[in-house]
Amino acid sequence: RIAATPRPRRGSSVETRLRYAHGGCFSNGDCESFAELDKSLAARGLLVVDTSFRQGASNPHPGALYDLGDVAAATRAIAPDLPLGVVGSSSGGFLALALAAHPARWGAGEPFAFALALAPVADPLARAEYLRECISGKTPVRQCHGPPSATRMLTSQLTYFPGGDAEMREARDLVCRRPGRHHNDPTRTFVVAGGHDKNVPLHVLSDVLLWAHRSLVLGGRGHEIQETLDDDSLETVVGWLRDAAQ
């Protein structure tokens, strides 16, 4: 179902379609989890299509990618004259990047015009290793989770990756280690990160930041950027998307 409909500002019009994948540590959340972000993007001329999808133990990796691929294919029928991009937050950021990397593999059809990842778990294995360090108390990251919350997050993530490290390494390679990834890629990729994000610290993003076409690191911001951005950051990001959709 469509959770956010276009509400353009006065004098503006809908310019592109956007398929959004919510976050939730690979096992939680639904199409209404990030309604504020959806509406902020819709107010700036984007048709936002947000759906719930199966994840966690009931639909382990790569199940969510097939669900999102089906939705992306259906979204192409909505205003087909408009470019289509994919956006995701946190764990949904990984799914958005993986969907954009291999759209046909997951049933999404043609390449997307753009992919936008907000605080993405771009490397699930690196994130798991970081959480294990939090649990052991040996992480070099200054702002980190304590053992109880890190344990909950790792347990949740592993419900989607029951194959453990080997499966997370394979998932990482869908996004981070693809041969031939360069700025001639037909899908423009944008990443927004929080400088103080203890859910997805910057080293978890280090690989994807090397090849993303544009990146924005918001100093002093944490994982809340997955669901809300200030007006200046939104204008920057939407400007990227408009340029990519042309």
Protein backbone atom coordinates (compact mmCIF):
# COMPACT_ATOMS: atom_id res chain seq x y z
CA ARG A 1 0.00 0.00 0.00
CA ILE A 2 1.04 3.60 -0.49
CA ALA A 3 1.89 5.11 2.87
CA ALA A 4 2.85 8.58 1.67
CA THR A 5 1.13 10.34 -1.23
CA PRO A 6 2.41 13.35 -3.15
CA ARG A 7 1.74 16.62 -1.39
CA PRO A 8 3.72 19.11 -3.45
CA ARG A 9 4.26 22.61 -2.21
CA ARG A 10 2.17 25.29 -3.84
CA GLY A 11 3.37 25.95 -7.35
CA SER A 12 5.35 22.69 -7.63
CA SER A 13 4.51 19.32 -9.15
CA VAL A 14 5.46 15.67 -8.82
CA GLU A 15 8.83 15.12 -10.50
CA THR A 16 9.83 11.51 -9.85
CA ARG A 17 8.79 8.28 -8.15
CA LEU A 18 10.58 6.93 -5.13
CA ARG A 19 10.40 3.40 -3.73
CA TYR A 20 11.19 3.50 0.00
CA ALA A 21 12.50 0.59 2.14
CA HIS A 22 12.08 1.16 5.87
CA GLY A 23 14.63 0.19 8.50
CA GLY A 24 14.16 -2.00 11.57
CA CYS A 25 17.32 -4.02 12.24
CA PHE A 26 16.38 -6.48 9.48
CA SER A 27 13.35 -7.76 11.39
CA ASN A 28 11.06 -4.92 12.52
CA GLY A 29 9.10 -1.99 11.13
CA ASP A 30 6.43 -1.50 8.48
CA CYS A 31 5.34 0.94 5.81
CA GLU A 32 4.34 3.58 8.36
CA SER A 33 7.54 3.48 10.44
CA PHE A 34 9.05 6.56 8.79
CA ALA A 35 5.98 8.57 7.87
CA GLU A 36 7.60 11.92 8.69
CA LEU A 37 10.43 11.34 6.22
CA ASP A 38 7.99 10.09 3.57
CA LYS A 39 5.85 13.21 3.88
CA SER A 40 8.89 15.52 3.85
CA LEU A 41 10.06 13.99 0.57
CA ALA A 42 6.55 14.01 -0.90
CA ALA A 43 6.19 17.71 -0.04
CA ARG A 44 9.22 18.36 -2.25
CA GLY A 45 7.71 16.83 -5.36
CA LEU A 46 8.45 13.11 -4.96
CA LEU A 47 5.83 10.39 -5.27
CA VAL A 48 6.77 8.13 -2.33
CA VAL A 49 5.67 4.51 -2.45
CA ASP A 50 6.29 2.77 0.87
CA THR A 51 5.23 -0.78 1.66
CA SER A 52 5.67 -3.34 4.37
CA PHE A 53 7.77 -6.35 3.42
CA ARG A 54 8.66 -9.67 4.98
CA GLN A 55 11.97 -9.94 6.84
CA GLY A 56 13.52 -11.55 9.91
CA ALA A 57 13.18 -15.26 10.65
CA SER A 58 9.95 -15.56 8.62
CA ASN A 59 11.66 -14.42 5.41
CA PRO A 60 15.46 -14.67 5.74
CA HIS A 61 18.00 -13.24 3.32
CA PRO A 62 17.52 -12.64 0.44
CA GLY A 63 13.73 -12.85 0.87
CA ALA A 64 13.16 -9.15 1.52
CA LEU A 65 14.95 -8.28 -1.72
CA TYR A 66 12.50 -10.36 -3.74
CA ASP A 67 9.56 -8.70 -1.98
CA LEU A 68 10.99 -5.25 -2.66
CA GLY A 69 11.77 -6.19 -6.24
CA ASP A 70 8.13 -7.15 -6.79
CA VAL A 71 6.99 -3.82 -5.34
CA ALA A 72 9.47 -1.90 -7.48
CA ALA A 73 8.15 -3.65 -10.60
CA ALA A 74 4.59 -2.73 -9.63
CA THR A 75 5.63 0.85 -8.86
CA ARG A 76 6.79 1.27 -12.44
CA ALA A 77 3.11 1.17 -13.44
CA ILE A 78 2.38 4.22 -11.24
CA ALA A 79 3.04 7.38 -13.27
CA PRO A 80 5.23 5.44 -15.75
CA ASP A 81 6.44 8.64 -17.39
CA LEU A 82 8.35 9.59 -14.22
CA PRO A 83 11.87 8.31 -13.33
CA LEU A 84 12.04 5.73 -10.53
CA GLY A 85 14.54 5.65 -7.68
CA VAL A 86 14.97 3.54 -4.56
CA VAL A 87 15.58 4.86 -1.04
CA GLY A 88 16.21 3.04 2.23
CA SER A 89 17.07 3.76 5.85
CA SER A 90 19.36 1.73 8.15
CA SER A 91 18.79 -1.96 7.33
CA GLY A 92 16.51 -0.72 4.56
CA GLY A 93 19.50 1.22 3.27
CA PHE A 94 21.33 -2.04 2.69
CA LEU A 95 18.26 -3.42 0.92
CA ALA A 96 17.99 -0.31 -1.27
CA LEU A 97 21.65 -0.51 -2.27
CA ALA A 98 21.44 -4.24 -3.01
CA LEU A 99 18.22 -3.78 -4.99
CA ALA A 100 19.81 -1.01 -7.06
CA ALA A 101 22.94 -3.09 -7.64
CA HIS A 102 21.08 -6.01 -9.23
CA PRO A 103 17.51 -4.90 -10.08
CA ALA A 104 16.79 -7.66 -12.58
CA ARG A 105 18.02 -10.36 -10.18
CA TRP A 106 15.37 -9.39 -7.62
CA GLY A 107 12.58 -8.86 -10.16
CA ALA A 108 12.70 -5.05 -10.18
CA GLY A 109 13.29 -4.77 -13.92
CA GLU A 110 15.38 -1.98 -15.40
CA PRO A 111 18.05 0.00 -13.51
CA PHE A 112 16.87 2.70 -11.14
CA ALA A 113 17.60 6.36 -11.79
CA PHE A 114 19.10 6.70 -8.32
CA ALA A 115 19.60 5.00 -4.97
CA LEU A 116 19.62 6.95 -1.71
CA ALA A 117 20.78 5.28 1.51
CA LEU A 118 20.27 6.98 4.88
CA ALA A 119 22.50 5.64 7.67
CA PRO A 120 22.67 2.33 5.81
CA VAL A 121 23.94 -0.96 7.21
CA ALA A 122 25.93 -1.17 3.98
CA ASP A 123 28.18 -3.91 5.34
CA PRO A 124 26.13 -6.29 7.53
CA LEU A 125 29.24 -8.25 8.54
CA ALA A 126 31.13 -5.13 9.67
CA ARG A 127 28.07 -4.06 11.66
CA ALA A 128 27.85 -7.50 13.30
CA GLU A 129 31.55 -7.38 14.20
CA TYR A 130 31.08 -3.90 15.68
CA LEU A 131 28.14 -5.11 17.80
CA ARG A 132 30.23 -8.04 19.04
CA GLU A 133 32.91 -5.56 20.09
CA CYS A 134 30.25 -3.56 21.95
CA ILE A 135 29.15 -6.74 23.73
CA SER A 136 32.72 -7.59 24.72
CA GLY A 137 33.51 -4.00 25.71
CA LYS A 138 36.45 -3.83 23.27
CA THR A 139 35.18 -1.49 20.57
CA PRO A 140 37.39 1.48 19.65
CA VAL A 141 34.25 3.50 18.78
CA ARG A 142 33.83 6.23 21.40
CA GLN A 143 30.03 6.44 21.25
CA CYS A 144 28.75 2.89 21.19
CA HIS A 145 25.99 0.65 22.49
CA GLY A 146 26.22 -1.11 25.82
CA PRO A 147 26.20 -4.93 25.90
CA PRO A 148 22.42 -5.35 26.43
CA SER A 149 21.31 -3.19 23.50
CA ALA A 150 24.12 -4.48 21.25
CA THR A 151 23.03 -8.03 22.01
CA ARG A 152 19.43 -7.25 21.09
CA MET A 153 20.48 -5.63 17.83
CA LEU A 154 22.80 -8.48 16.85
CA THR A 155 20.15 -11.08 17.65
CA SER A 156 17.64 -9.20 15.52
CA GLN A 157 20.05 -8.88 12.59
CA LEU A 158 20.93 -12.57 12.70
CA THR A 159 17.29 -13.60 12.35
CA TYR A 160 17.52 -12.27 8.79
CA PHE A 161 20.99 -13.76 8.25
CA PRO A 162 20.69 -17.23 9.82
CA GLY A 163 23.75 -18.32 7.84
CA GLY A 164 25.87 -16.10 10.07
CA ASP A 165 29.13 -14.49 8.98
CA ALA A 166 29.37 -16.32 5.66
CA GLU A 167 25.92 -15.16 4.63
CA MET A 168 26.55 -11.58 5.79
CA ARG A 169 29.83 -11.55 3.86
CA GLU A 170 27.95 -12.61 0.74
CA ALA A 171 25.35 -9.91 1.40
CA ARG A 172 28.07 -7.30 1.83
CA ASP A 173 29.55 -8.27 -1.51
CA LEU A 174 26.24 -7.52 -3.22
CA VAL A 175 26.78 -3.87 -2.29
CA CYS A 176 30.41 -3.17 -1.42
CA ARG A 177 32.62 -5.39 -3.53
CA ARG A 178 31.02 -5.35 -6.94
CA PRO A 179 33.54 -5.34 -9.81
CA GLY A 180 33.27 -2.43 -12.20
CA ARG A 181 31.56 -0.12 -9.73
CA HIS A 182 32.42 3.41 -10.87
CA HIS A 183 30.88 6.76 -11.71
CA ASN A 184 29.62 5.55 -15.09
CA ASP A 185 27.09 3.33 -13.36
CA PRO A 186 23.57 4.07 -14.70
CA THR A 187 22.22 4.28 -11.14
CA ARG A 188 23.46 7.32 -9.23
CA THR A 189 24.12 6.39 -5.60
CA PHE A 190 23.88 8.79 -2.67
CA VAL A 191 24.66 8.14 0.99
CA VAL A 192 23.80 10.21 4.07
CA ALA A 193 25.50 9.31 7.36
CA GLY A 194 25.52 10.59 10.89
CA GLY A 195 28.90 11.51 12.35
CA HIS A 196 27.85 10.20 15.78
CA ASP A 197 25.76 7.21 14.73
CA LYS A 198 26.27 4.41 17.25
CA ASN A 199 23.98 2.07 15.29
CA VAL A 200 25.95 2.42 12.06
CA PRO A 201 29.34 4.01 12.81
CA LEU A 202 31.24 5.42 9.87
CA HIS A 203 33.64 2.48 9.53
CA VAL A 204 30.64 0.29 8.62
CA LEU A 205 30.14 2.66 5.67
CA SER A 206 33.78 3.06 4.69
CA ASP A 207 33.59 0.88 1.58
CA VAL A 208 30.38 2.31 0.13
CA LEU A 209 31.61 5.86 0.77
CA LEU A 210 34.52 5.12 -1.59
CA TRP A 211 32.28 4.66 -4.60
CA ALA A 212 29.05 6.54 -3.86
CA HIS A 213 28.53 9.40 -6.31
CA ARG A 214 27.66 11.80 -3.49
CA SER A 215 27.91 11.48 0.28
CA LEU A 216 26.84 13.73 3.14
CA VAL A 217 28.13 13.21 6.68
CA LEU A 218 26.15 15.19 9.24
CA GLY A 219 28.37 16.05 12.17
CA GLY A 220 26.78 15.70 15.58
CA ARG A 221 23.89 13.63 14.22
CA GLY A 222 23.13 10.05 15.12
CA HIS A 223 20.93 7.29 13.79
CA GLU A 224 17.87 9.55 13.91
CA ILE A 225 18.78 10.68 10.39
CA GLN A 226 17.23 7.44 9.16
CA GLU A 227 13.79 8.93 9.81
CA THR A 228 14.14 12.71 9.76
CA LEU A 229 16.44 15.27 8.15
CA ASP A 230 16.63 19.01 8.72
CA ASP A 231 15.42 21.29 5.92
CA ASP A 232 18.89 22.17 4.64
CA SER A 233 19.91 18.50 4.38
CA LEU A 234 16.62 17.62 2.71
CA GLU A 235 17.08 20.33 0.10
CA THR A 236 20.61 19.05 -0.61
CA VAL A 237 19.46 15.45 -0.96
CA VAL A 238 16.39 16.24 -3.05
CA GLY A 239 18.61 18.35 -5.32
CA TRP A 240 20.79 15.28 -5.88
CA LEU A 241 17.74 13.17 -6.73
CA ARG A 242 16.35 15.74 -9.16
CA ASP A 243 19.65 15.94 -11.00
CA ALA A 244 19.92 12.14 -11.18
CA ALA A 245 16.36 11.81 -12.48
CA GLN A 246 16.95 14.13 -15.43
